[in-house]
Amino acid sequence: AAHDPHRYPWPYQLASIEIASYATRYPHTAPAGLPSDAPAWAGFAIFR
């Protein structure tokens, strides 16, 4: 079930692992201010 690199992490040449909040790490990547059902939020989930 985890053999899809789009859904699960399969990084090679791994150098580091970091624990952080996505919102803190990438605060300017979300389409803030739009309604939760806006298509841009679905696109953001795919982009993420």
All heavy atoms as atom14 arrays in JSON, in Angstrom:
{
  "sequence": "AAHDPHRYPWPYQLASIEIASYATRYPHTAPAGLPSDAPAWAGFAIFR",
  "atom14_mask": [
    [1, 1, 1, 1, 1, 0, 0, 0, 0, 0, 0, 0, 0, 0],
    [1, 1, 1, 1, 1, 0, 0, 0, 0, 0, 0, 0, 0, 0],
    [1, 1, 1, 1, 1, 1, 1, 1, 1, 1, 0, 0, 0, 0],
    [1, 1, 1, 1, 1, 1, 1, 1, 0, 0, 0, 0, 0, 0],
    [1, 1, 1, 1, 1, 1, 1, 0, 0, 0, 0, 0, 0, 0],
    [1, 1, 1, 1, 1, 1, 1, 1, 1, 1, 0, 0, 0, 0],
    [1, 1, 1, 1, 1, 1, 1, 1, 1, 1, 1, 0, 0, 0],
    [1, 1, 1, 1, 1, 1, 1, 1, 1, 1, 1, 1, 0, 0],
    [1, 1, 1, 1, 1, 1, 1, 0, 0, 0, 0, 0, 0, 0],
    [1, 1, 1, 1, 1, 1, 1, 1, 1, 1, 1, 1, 1, 1],
    [1, 1, 1, 1, 1, 1, 1, 0, 0, 0, 0, 0, 0, 0],
    [1, 1, 1, 1, 1, 1, 1, 1, 1, 1, 1, 1, 0, 0],
    [1, 1, 1, 1, 1, 1, 1, 1, 1, 0, 0, 0, 0, 0],
    [1, 1, 1, 1, 1, 1, 1, 1, 0, 0, 0, 0, 0, 0],
    [1, 1, 1, 1, 1, 0, 0, 0, 0, 0, 0, 0, 0, 0],
    [1, 1, 1, 1, 1, 1, 0, 0, 0, 0, 0, 0, 0, 0],
    [1, 1, 1, 1, 1, 1, 1, 1, 0, 0, 0, 0, 0, 0],
    [1, 1, 1, 1, 1, 1, 1, 1, 1, 0, 0, 0, 0, 0],
    [1, 1, 1, 1, 1, 1, 1, 1, 0, 0, 0, 0, 0, 0],
    [1, 1, 1, 1, 1, 0, 0, 0, 0, 0, 0, 0, 0, 0],
    [1, 1, 1, 1, 1, 1, 0, 0, 0, 0, 0, 0, 0, 0],
    [1, 1, 1, 1, 1, 1, 1, 1, 1, 1, 1, 1, 0, 0],
    [1, 1, 1, 1, 1, 0, 0, 0, 0, 0, 0, 0, 0, 0],
    [1, 1, 1, 1, 1, 1, 1, 0, 0, 0, 0, 0, 0, 0],
    [1, 1, 1, 1, 1, 1, 1, 1, 1, 1, 1, 0, 0, 0],
    [1, 1, 1, 1, 1, 1, 1, 1, 1, 1, 1, 1, 0, 0],
    [1, 1, 1, 1, 1, 1, 1, 0, 0, 0, 0, 0, 0, 0],
    [1, 1, 1, 1, 1, 1, 1, 1, 1, 1, 0, 0, 0, 0],
    [1, 1, 1, 1, 1, 1, 1, 0, 0, 0, 0, 0, 0, 0],
    [1, 1, 1, 1, 1, 0, 0, 0, 0, 0, 0, 0, 0, 0],
    [1, 1, 1, 1, 1, 1, 1, 0, 0, 0, 0, 0, 0, 0],
    [1, 1, 1, 1, 1, 0, 0, 0, 0, 0, 0, 0, 0, 0],
    [1, 1, 1, 1, 0, 0, 0, 0, 0, 0, 0, 0, 0, 0],
    [1, 1, 1, 1, 1, 1, 1, 1, 0, 0, 0, 0, 0, 0],
    [1, 1, 1, 1, 1, 1, 1, 0, 0, 0, 0, 0, 0, 0],
    [1, 1, 1, 1, 1, 1, 0, 0, 0, 0, 0, 0, 0, 0],
    [1, 1, 1, 1, 1, 1, 1, 1, 0, 0, 0, 0, 0, 0],
    [1, 1, 1, 1, 1, 0, 0, 0, 0, 0, 0, 0, 0, 0],
    [1, 1, 1, 1, 1, 1, 1, 0, 0, 0, 0, 0, 0, 0],
    [1, 1, 1, 1, 1, 0, 0, 0, 0, 0, 0, 0, 0, 0],
    [1, 1, 1, 1, 1, 1, 1, 1, 1, 1, 1, 1, 1, 1],
    [1, 1, 1, 1, 1, 0, 0, 0, 0, 0, 0, 0, 0, 0],
    [1, 1, 1, 1, 0, 0, 0, 0, 0, 0, 0, 0, 0, 0],
    [1, 1, 1, 1, 1, 1, 1, 1, 1, 1, 1, 0, 0, 0],
    [1, 1, 1, 1, 1, 0, 0, 0, 0, 0, 0, 0, 0, 0],
    [1, 1, 1, 1, 1, 1, 1, 1, 0, 0, 0, 0, 0, 0],
    [1, 1, 1, 1, 1, 1, 1, 1, 1, 1, 1, 0, 0, 0],
    [1, 1, 1, 1, 1, 1, 1, 1, 1, 1, 1, 0, 0, 0]
  ],
  "atom14_positions": [
    [[0.82, -1.22, 0.0], [0.0, 0.0, 0.0], [0.85, 1.26, 0.0], [0.37, 2.34, -0.36], [-0.93, 0.01, 1.21], [0.0, 0.0, 0.0], [0.0, 0.0, 0.0], [0.0, 0.0, 0.0], [0.0, 0.0, 0.0], [0.0, 0.0, 0.0], [0.0, 0.0, 0.0], [0.0, 0.0, 0.0], [0.0, 0.0, 0.0], [0.0, 0.0, 0.0]],
    [[2.12, 1.14, 0.39], [3.0, 2.3, 0.48], [3.95, 2.41, -0.71], [4.9, 3.19, -0.67], [3.8, 2.23, 1.77], [0.0, 0.0, 0.0], [0.0, 0.0, 0.0], [0.0, 0.0, 0.0], [0.0, 0.0, 0.0], [0.0, 0.0, 0.0], [0.0, 0.0, 0.0], [0.0, 0.0, 0.0], [0.0, 0.0, 0.0], [0.0, 0.0, 0.0]],
    [[3.7, 1.68, -1.77], [4.63, 1.66, -2.9], [4.41, 2.79, -3.9], [4.9, 2.71, -5.03], [4.55, 0.3, -3.61], [5.18, -0.82, -2.83], [5.15, -2.13, -3.24], [5.84, -0.8, -1.65], [5.78, -2.88, -2.33], [6.2, -2.09, -1.36], [0.0, 0.0, 0.0], [0.0, 0.0, 0.0], [0.0, 0.0, 0.0], [0.0, 0.0, 0.0]],
    [[3.69, 3.82, -3.5], [3.46, 4.98, -4.35], [4.28, 6.15, -3.82], [3.96, 6.72, -2.78], [1.97, 5.33, -4.35], [1.64, 6.51, -5.25], [2.57, 7.11, -5.83], [0.44, 6.84, -5.38], [0.0, 0.0, 0.0], [0.0, 0.0, 0.0], [0.0, 0.0, 0.0], [0.0, 0.0, 0.0], [0.0, 0.0, 0.0], [0.0, 0.0, 0.0]],
    [[5.36, 6.54, -4.52], [6.2, 7.65, -4.03], [5.49, 8.99, -4.0], [5.99, 9.94, -3.39], [7.37, 7.68, -5.03], [7.35, 6.34, -5.68], [5.91, 5.93, -5.73], [0.0, 0.0, 0.0], [0.0, 0.0, 0.0], [0.0, 0.0, 0.0], [0.0, 0.0, 0.0], [0.0, 0.0, 0.0], [0.0, 0.0, 0.0], [0.0, 0.0, 0.0]],
    [[4.31, 9.09, -4.65], [3.56, 10.33, -4.57], [2.9, 10.47, -3.2], [2.68, 11.58, -2.72], [2.48, 10.37, -5.66], [3.03, 10.36, -7.05], [3.75, 11.4, -7.58], [2.98, 9.41, -8.01], [4.11, 11.12, -8.82], [3.65, 9.91, -9.1], [0.0, 0.0, 0.0], [0.0, 0.0, 0.0], [0.0, 0.0, 0.0], [0.0, 0.0, 0.0]],
    [[2.57, 9.35, -2.57], [1.84, 9.37, -1.31], [2.73, 9.11, -0.1], [2.43, 9.55, 1.01], [0.7, 8.35, -1.35], [-0.35, 8.63, -2.42], [-1.41, 7.55, -2.47], [-2.07, 7.41, -1.17], [-2.09, 6.27, -0.47], [-1.47, 5.19, -0.93], [-2.71, 6.21, 0.69], [0.0, 0.0, 0.0], [0.0, 0.0, 0.0], [0.0, 0.0, 0.0]],
    [[3.81, 8.36, -0.3], [4.71, 8.01, 0.79], [6.12, 8.51, 0.47], [6.5, 8.58, -0.71], [4.74, 6.5, 1.01], [3.51, 5.97, 1.71], [2.32, 5.78, 1.01], [3.53, 5.66, 3.06], [1.19, 5.31, 1.65], [2.4, 5.18, 3.71], [1.24, 5.01, 3.0], [0.12, 4.55, 3.64], [0.0, 0.0, 0.0], [0.0, 0.0, 0.0]],
    [[6.9, 8.84, 1.48], [8.27, 9.32, 1.21], [9.18, 8.16, 0.81], [9.34, 7.19, 1.54], [8.69, 9.92, 2.57], [7.87, 9.18, 3.58], [6.56, 8.88, 2.93], [0.0, 0.0, 0.0], [0.0, 0.0, 0.0], [0.0, 0.0, 0.0], [0.0, 0.0, 0.0], [0.0, 0.0, 0.0], [0.0, 0.0, 0.0], [0.0, 0.0, 0.0]],
    [[9.82, 8.3, -0.37], [10.82, 7.36, -0.87], [12.09, 8.14, -1.25], [12.63, 7.94, -2.34], [10.31, 6.61, -2.09], [9.32, 5.52, -1.83], [8.0, 5.65, -1.55], [9.59, 4.1, -1.86], [7.42, 4.42, -1.39], [8.37, 3.45, -1.58], [10.75, 3.34, -2.1], [8.27, 2.06, -1.53], [10.64, 1.96, -2.04], [9.42, 1.33, -1.76]],
    [[12.6, 9.02, -0.41], [13.77, 9.8, -0.81], [15.04, 8.97, -0.8], [15.3, 8.21, 0.14], [13.83, 10.89, 0.27], [13.23, 10.24, 1.46], [12.14, 9.35, 0.95], [0.0, 0.0, 0.0], [0.0, 0.0, 0.0], [0.0, 0.0, 0.0], [0.0, 0.0, 0.0], [0.0, 0.0, 0.0], [0.0, 0.0, 0.0], [0.0, 0.0, 0.0]],
    [[15.82, 9.1, -1.85], [17.17, 8.53, -1.85], [18.17, 9.68, -1.71], [17.79, 10.84, -1.7], [17.44, 7.69, -3.09], [17.08, 8.32, -4.42], [17.94, 9.22, -5.04], [15.89, 8.0, -5.06], [17.62, 9.8, -6.25], [15.57, 8.57, -6.29], [16.43, 9.46, -6.89], [16.1, 10.02, -8.1], [0.0, 0.0, 0.0], [0.0, 0.0, 0.0]],
    [[19.45, 9.34, -1.54], [20.48, 10.32, -1.19], [20.06, 11.12, 0.05], [20.32, 12.31, 0.17], [20.77, 11.27, -2.36], [21.41, 10.58, -3.56], [21.91, 11.55, -4.6], [21.45, 12.69, -4.7], [22.85, 11.11, -5.41], [0.0, 0.0, 0.0], [0.0, 0.0, 0.0], [0.0, 0.0, 0.0], [0.0, 0.0, 0.0], [0.0, 0.0, 0.0]],
    [[19.43, 10.43, 1.0], [18.93, 11.1, 2.2], [20.08, 11.67, 3.02], [21.02, 10.97, 3.35], [18.13, 10.1, 3.04], [17.52, 10.64, 4.33], [16.42, 11.66, 4.02], [16.95, 9.5, 5.17], [0.0, 0.0, 0.0], [0.0, 0.0, 0.0], [0.0, 0.0, 0.0], [0.0, 0.0, 0.0], [0.0, 0.0, 0.0], [0.0, 0.0, 0.0]],
    [[19.95, 12.95, 3.38], [20.99, 13.64, 4.16], [20.51, 14.06, 5.53], [21.29, 14.13, 6.47], [21.51, 14.85, 3.39], [0.0, 0.0, 0.0], [0.0, 0.0, 0.0], [0.0, 0.0, 0.0], [0.0, 0.0, 0.0], [0.0, 0.0, 0.0], [0.0, 0.0, 0.0], [0.0, 0.0, 0.0], [0.0, 0.0, 0.0], [0.0, 0.0, 0.0]],
    [[19.2, 14.38, 5.64], [18.71, 14.85, 6.94], [17.22, 14.58, 7.06], [16.51, 14.42, 6.07], [18.98, 16.34, 7.14], [18.21, 17.12, 6.25], [0.0, 0.0, 0.0], [0.0, 0.0, 0.0], [0.0, 0.0, 0.0], [0.0, 0.0, 0.0], [0.0, 0.0, 0.0], [0.0, 0.0, 0.0], [0.0, 0.0, 0.0], [0.0, 0.0, 0.0]],
    [[16.76, 14.53, 8.32], [15.35, 14.4, 8.65], [15.03, 15.48, 9.67], [15.73, 15.63, 10.67], [15.02, 13.01, 9.23], [15.47, 11.9, 8.27], [13.53, 12.89, 9.5], [15.32, 10.49, 8.86], [0.0, 0.0, 0.0], [0.0, 0.0, 0.0], [0.0, 0.0, 0.0], [0.0, 0.0, 0.0], [0.0, 0.0, 0.0], [0.0, 0.0, 0.0]],
    [[13.97, 16.24, 9.41], [13.6, 17.33, 10.31], [12.16, 17.17, 10.78], [11.27, 16.83, 9.98], [13.75, 18.67, 9.61], [13.37, 19.87, 10.48], [13.58, 21.21, 9.79], [13.95, 21.22, 8.6], [13.38, 22.24, 10.46], [0.0, 0.0, 0.0], [0.0, 0.0, 0.0], [0.0, 0.0, 0.0], [0.0, 0.0, 0.0], [0.0, 0.0, 0.0]],
    [[11.92, 17.38, 12.07], [10.56, 17.48, 12.6], [10.2, 18.96, 12.69], [10.93, 19.74, 13.3], [10.43, 16.83, 13.99], [10.6, 15.31, 13.9], [9.07, 17.14, 14.6], [10.47, 14.6, 15.24], [0.0, 0.0, 0.0], [0.0, 0.0, 0.0], [0.0, 0.0, 0.0], [0.0, 0.0, 0.0], [0.0, 0.0, 0.0], [0.0, 0.0, 0.0]],
    [[9.11, 19.34, 12.06], [8.67, 20.74, 12.08], [7.21, 20.8, 11.67], [6.68, 19.86, 11.07], [9.52, 21.59, 11.14], [0.0, 0.0, 0.0], [0.0, 0.0, 0.0], [0.0, 0.0, 0.0], [0.0, 0.0, 0.0], [0.0, 0.0, 0.0], [0.0, 0.0, 0.0], [0.0, 0.0, 0.0], [0.0, 0.0, 0.0], [0.0, 0.0, 0.0]],
    [[6.58, 21.87, 11.99], [5.23, 22.12, 11.5], [5.3, 22.59, 10.06], [6.1, 23.48, 9.72], [4.55, 23.2, 12.36], [3.46, 23.78, 11.69], [0.0, 0.0, 0.0], [0.0, 0.0, 0.0], [0.0, 0.0, 0.0], [0.0, 0.0, 0.0], [0.0, 0.0, 0.0], [0.0, 0.0, 0.0], [0.0, 0.0, 0.0], [0.0, 0.0, 0.0]],
    [[4.49, 22.0, 9.2], [4.48, 22.44, 7.8], [4.14, 23.93, 7.71], [4.77, 24.68, 6.96], [3.46, 21.61, 7.0], [3.51, 21.87, 5.52], [4.21, 21.04, 4.66], [2.84, 22.96, 4.96], [4.26, 21.28, 3.31], [2.88, 23.21, 3.61], [3.6, 22.37, 2.78], [3.64, 22.63, 1.43], [0.0, 0.0, 0.0], [0.0, 0.0, 0.0]],
    [[3.16, 24.35, 8.49], [2.74, 25.75, 8.44], [3.86, 26.68, 8.89], [3.98, 27.8, 8.39], [1.51, 25.96, 9.3], [0.0, 0.0, 0.0], [0.0, 0.0, 0.0], [0.0, 0.0, 0.0], [0.0, 0.0, 0.0], [0.0, 0.0, 0.0], [0.0, 0.0, 0.0], [0.0, 0.0, 0.0], [0.0, 0.0, 0.0], [0.0, 0.0, 0.0]],
    [[4.7, 26.22, 9.82], [5.82, 27.03, 10.28], [6.98, 26.98, 9.29], [7.63, 27.99, 9.02], [6.3, 26.54, 11.66], [5.22, 26.65, 12.59], [7.48, 27.36, 12.16], [0.0, 0.0, 0.0], [0.0, 0.0, 0.0], [0.0, 0.0, 0.0], [0.0, 0.0, 0.0], [0.0, 0.0, 0.0], [0.0, 0.0, 0.0], [0.0, 0.0, 0.0]],
    [[7.2, 25.79, 8.75], [8.34, 25.61, 7.82], [8.09, 26.31, 6.49], [8.99, 26.92, 5.93], [8.55, 24.11, 7.6], [9.83, 23.73, 6.86], [11.03, 23.9, 7.77], [12.26, 23.51, 7.11], [12.91, 24.25, 6.22], [12.44, 25.43, 5.88], [14.03, 23.82, 5.7], [0.0, 0.0, 0.0], [0.0, 0.0, 0.0], [0.0, 0.0, 0.0]],
    [[6.86, 26.24, 5.99], [6.5, 26.83, 4.69], [5.28, 27.75, 4.86], [4.2, 27.47, 4.34], [6.19, 25.75, 3.67], [7.33, 24.81, 3.34], [7.11, 23.48, 3.04], [8.66, 25.27, 3.29], [8.15, 22.62, 2.71], [9.7, 24.42, 2.96], [9.43, 23.08, 2.67], [10.47, 22.24, 2.34], [0.0, 0.0, 0.0], [0.0, 0.0, 0.0]],
    [[5.41, 28.85, 5.6], [4.24, 29.67, 5.94], [3.63, 30.42, 4.77], [2.48, 30.89, 4.89], [4.8, 30.64, 6.99], [6.26, 30.75, 6.66], [6.65, 29.38, 6.2], [0.0, 0.0, 0.0], [0.0, 0.0, 0.0], [0.0, 0.0, 0.0], [0.0, 0.0, 0.0], [0.0, 0.0, 0.0], [0.0, 0.0, 0.0], [0.0, 0.0, 0.0]],
    [[4.37, 30.58, 3.67], [3.87, 31.4, 2.57], [3.47, 30.57, 1.36], [3.46, 31.06, 0.23], [4.92, 32.43, 2.17], [5.32, 33.35, 3.28], [6.48, 33.19, 4.0], [4.68, 34.42, 3.83], [6.56, 34.13, 4.93], [5.48, 34.88, 4.85], [0.0, 0.0, 0.0], [0.0, 0.0, 0.0], [0.0, 0.0, 0.0], [0.0, 0.0, 0.0]],
    [[3.12, 29.3, 1.59], [2.72, 28.43, 0.47], [1.22, 28.15, 0.44], [0.72, 27.57, -0.52], [3.45, 27.08, 0.52], [3.1, 26.39, 1.73], [4.96, 27.27, 0.47], [0.0, 0.0, 0.0], [0.0, 0.0, 0.0], [0.0, 0.0, 0.0], [0.0, 0.0, 0.0], [0.0, 0.0, 0.0], [0.0, 0.0, 0.0], [0.0, 0.0, 0.0]],
    [[0.49, 28.55, 1.48], [-0.94, 28.26, 1.55], [-1.76, 29.42, 1.0], [-1.39, 30.59, 1.17], [-1.35, 27.97, 3.0], [0.0, 0.0, 0.0], [0.0, 0.0, 0.0], [0.0, 0.0, 0.0], [0.0, 0.0, 0.0], [0.0, 0.0, 0.0], [0.0, 0.0, 0.0], [0.0, 0.0, 0.0], [0.0, 0.0, 0.0], [0.0, 0.0, 0.0]],
    [[-2.89, 29.12, 0.35], [-3.76, 30.19, -0.19], [-4.63, 30.78, 0.9], [-5.86, 30.66, 0.9], [-4.58, 29.45, -1.25], [-4.68, 28.05, -0.74], [-3.37, 27.78, -0.03], [0.0, 0.0, 0.0], [0.0, 0.0, 0.0], [0.0, 0.0, 0.0], [0.0, 0.0, 0.0], [0.0, 0.0, 0.0], [0.0, 0.0, 0.0], [0.0, 0.0, 0.0]],
    [[-3.99, 31.45, 1.85], [-4.68, 31.98, 3.03], [-5.79, 32.95, 2.63], [-5.67, 33.71, 1.66], [-3.68, 32.68, 3.94], [0.0, 0.0, 0.0], [0.0, 0.0, 0.0], [0.0, 0.0, 0.0], [0.0, 0.0, 0.0], [0.0, 0.0, 0.0], [0.0, 0.0, 0.0], [0.0, 0.0, 0.0], [0.0, 0.0, 0.0], [0.0, 0.0, 0.0]],
    [[-6.87, 32.91, 3.4], [-7.97, 33.85, 3.19], [-9.09, 33.33, 2.32], [-10.16, 33.95, 2.26], [0.0, 0.0, 0.0], [0.0, 0.0, 0.0], [0.0, 0.0, 0.0], [0.0, 0.0, 0.0], [0.0, 0.0, 0.0], [0.0, 0.0, 0.0], [0.0, 0.0, 0.0], [0.0, 0.0, 0.0], [0.0, 0.0, 0.0], [0.0, 0.0, 0.0]],
    [[-8.88, 32.2, 1.66], [-9.92, 31.63, 0.82], [-10.82, 30.7, 1.64], [-10.37, 30.1, 2.63], [-9.3, 30.85, -0.34], [-8.55, 31.66, -1.39], [-8.0, 30.74, -2.48], [-9.46, 32.71, -2.02], [0.0, 0.0, 0.0], [0.0, 0.0, 0.0], [0.0, 0.0, 0.0], [0.0, 0.0, 0.0], [0.0, 0.0, 0.0], [0.0, 0.0, 0.0]],
    [[-12.09, 30.54, 1.25], [-12.96, 29.59, 1.94], [-12.37, 28.17, 1.87], [-11.66, 27.83, 0.93], [-14.26, 29.67, 1.14], [-14.21, 30.99, 0.44], [-12.76, 31.26, 0.16], [0.0, 0.0, 0.0], [0.0, 0.0, 0.0], [0.0, 0.0, 0.0], [0.0, 0.0, 0.0], [0.0, 0.0, 0.0], [0.0, 0.0, 0.0], [0.0, 0.0, 0.0]],
    [[-12.65, 27.37, 2.88], [-12.06, 26.03, 2.97], [-12.46, 25.13, 1.81], [-11.77, 24.15, 1.52], [-12.46, 25.38, 4.29], [-13.87, 25.26, 4.39], [0.0, 0.0, 0.0], [0.0, 0.0, 0.0], [0.0, 0.0, 0.0], [0.0, 0.0, 0.0], [0.0, 0.0, 0.0], [0.0, 0.0, 0.0], [0.0, 0.0, 0.0], [0.0, 0.0, 0.0]],
    [[-13.58, 25.44, 1.15], [-14.02, 24.61, 0.03], [-13.59, 25.17, -1.32], [-14.0, 24.68, -2.38], [-15.54, 24.43, 0.04], [-16.31, 25.76, -0.05], [-15.65, 26.83, 0.07], [-17.54, 25.73, -0.22], [0.0, 0.0, 0.0], [0.0, 0.0, 0.0], [0.0, 0.0, 0.0], [0.0, 0.0, 0.0], [0.0, 0.0, 0.0], [0.0, 0.0, 0.0]],
    [[-12.73, 26.19, -1.32], [-12.24, 26.76, -2.58], [-11.36, 25.75, -3.31], [-10.59, 25.02, -2.67], [-11.46, 28.04, -2.31], [0.0, 0.0, 0.0], [0.0, 0.0, 0.0], [0.0, 0.0, 0.0], [0.0, 0.0, 0.0], [0.0, 0.0, 0.0], [0.0, 0.0, 0.0], [0.0, 0.0, 0.0], [0.0, 0.0, 0.0], [0.0, 0.0, 0.0]],
    [[-11.44, 25.68, -4.64], [-10.61, 24.74, -5.4], [-9.12, 24.91, -5.14], [-8.36, 23.94, -5.21], [-10.95, 25.08, -6.86], [-12.32, 25.66, -6.81], [-12.38, 26.42, -5.52], [0.0, 0.0, 0.0], [0.0, 0.0, 0.0], [0.0, 0.0, 0.0], [0.0, 0.0, 0.0], [0.0, 0.0, 0.0], [0.0, 0.0, 0.0], [0.0, 0.0, 0.0]],
    [[-8.68, 26.12, -4.8], [-7.25, 26.35, -4.56], [-6.75, 25.53, -3.38], [-5.58, 25.12, -3.36], [-7.0, 27.84, -4.33], [0.0, 0.0, 0.0], [0.0, 0.0, 0.0], [0.0, 0.0, 0.0], [0.0, 0.0, 0.0], [0.0, 0.0, 0.0], [0.0, 0.0, 0.0], [0.0, 0.0, 0.0], [0.0, 0.0, 0.0], [0.0, 0.0, 0.0]],
    [[-7.59, 25.28, -2.39], [-7.16, 24.47, -1.25], [-6.94, 23.02, -1.66], [-6.01, 22.36, -1.19], [-8.17, 24.56, -0.1], [-8.03, 25.8, 0.71], [-8.88, 26.86, 0.75], [-6.96, 26.12, 1.6], [-8.43, 27.83, 1.61], [-7.25, 27.41, 2.16], [-5.8, 25.47, 2.0], [-6.4, 28.03, 3.08], [-4.96, 26.09, 2.92], [-5.27, 27.35, 3.44]],
    [[-7.79, 22.51, -2.54], [-7.58, 21.16, -3.06], [-6.29, 21.11, -3.87], [-5.53, 20.14, -3.8], [-8.78, 20.73, -3.92], [0.0, 0.0, 0.0], [0.0, 0.0, 0.0], [0.0, 0.0, 0.0], [0.0, 0.0, 0.0], [0.0, 0.0, 0.0], [0.0, 0.0, 0.0], [0.0, 0.0, 0.0], [0.0, 0.0, 0.0], [0.0, 0.0, 0.0]],
    [[-6.04, 22.17, -4.63], [-4.79, 22.24, -5.38], [-3.58, 22.34, -4.49], [-2.53, 21.75, -4.76], [0.0, 0.0, 0.0], [0.0, 0.0, 0.0], [0.0, 0.0, 0.0], [0.0, 0.0, 0.0], [0.0, 0.0, 0.0], [0.0, 0.0, 0.0], [0.0, 0.0, 0.0], [0.0, 0.0, 0.0], [0.0, 0.0, 0.0], [0.0, 0.0, 0.0]],
    [[-3.72, 23.07, -3.38], [-2.63, 23.17, -2.41], [-2.3, 21.8, -1.83], [-1.12, 21.45, -1.66], [-3.04, 24.14, -1.29], [-2.12, 24.12, -0.1], [-0.8, 24.53, -0.2], [-2.59, 23.72, 1.14], [0.05, 24.52, 0.91], [-1.76, 23.7, 2.25], [-0.44, 24.11, 2.14], [0.0, 0.0, 0.0], [0.0, 0.0, 0.0], [0.0, 0.0, 0.0]],
    [[-3.32, 21.0, -1.51], [-3.09, 19.65, -0.96], [-2.32, 18.79, -1.97], [-1.42, 18.04, -1.58], [-4.42, 19.0, -0.61], [0.0, 0.0, 0.0], [0.0, 0.0, 0.0], [0.0, 0.0, 0.0], [0.0, 0.0, 0.0], [0.0, 0.0, 0.0], [0.0, 0.0, 0.0], [0.0, 0.0, 0.0], [0.0, 0.0, 0.0], [0.0, 0.0, 0.0]],
    [[-2.66, 18.92, -3.25], [-1.94, 18.15, -4.28], [-0.51, 18.66, -4.42], [0.44, 17.87, -4.49], [-2.68, 18.25, -5.63], [-4.06, 17.57, -5.52], [-1.86, 17.61, -6.75], [-4.96, 17.84, -6.71], [0.0, 0.0, 0.0], [0.0, 0.0, 0.0], [0.0, 0.0, 0.0], [0.0, 0.0, 0.0], [0.0, 0.0, 0.0], [0.0, 0.0, 0.0]],
    [[-0.35, 19.98, -4.44], [0.99, 20.55, -4.57], [1.86, 20.13, -3.39], [3.03, 19.76, -3.56], [0.91, 22.08, -4.64], [2.23, 22.74, -4.89], [2.69, 22.91, -6.19], [3.03, 23.17, -3.85], [3.93, 23.5, -6.44], [4.26, 23.76, -4.08], [4.71, 23.92, -5.38], [0.0, 0.0, 0.0], [0.0, 0.0, 0.0], [0.0, 0.0, 0.0]],
    [[1.3, 20.15, -2.2], [2.03, 19.77, -0.99], [2.48, 18.31, -1.06], [3.6, 17.98, -0.66], [1.14, 20.01, 0.23], [1.7, 19.49, 1.53], [0.81, 19.89, 2.69], [1.22, 19.23, 3.93], [0.8, 19.56, 5.14], [-0.04, 20.56, 5.28], [1.22, 18.91, 6.21], [0.0, 0.0, 0.0], [0.0, 0.0, 0.0], [0.0, 0.0, 0.0]]
  ]
}
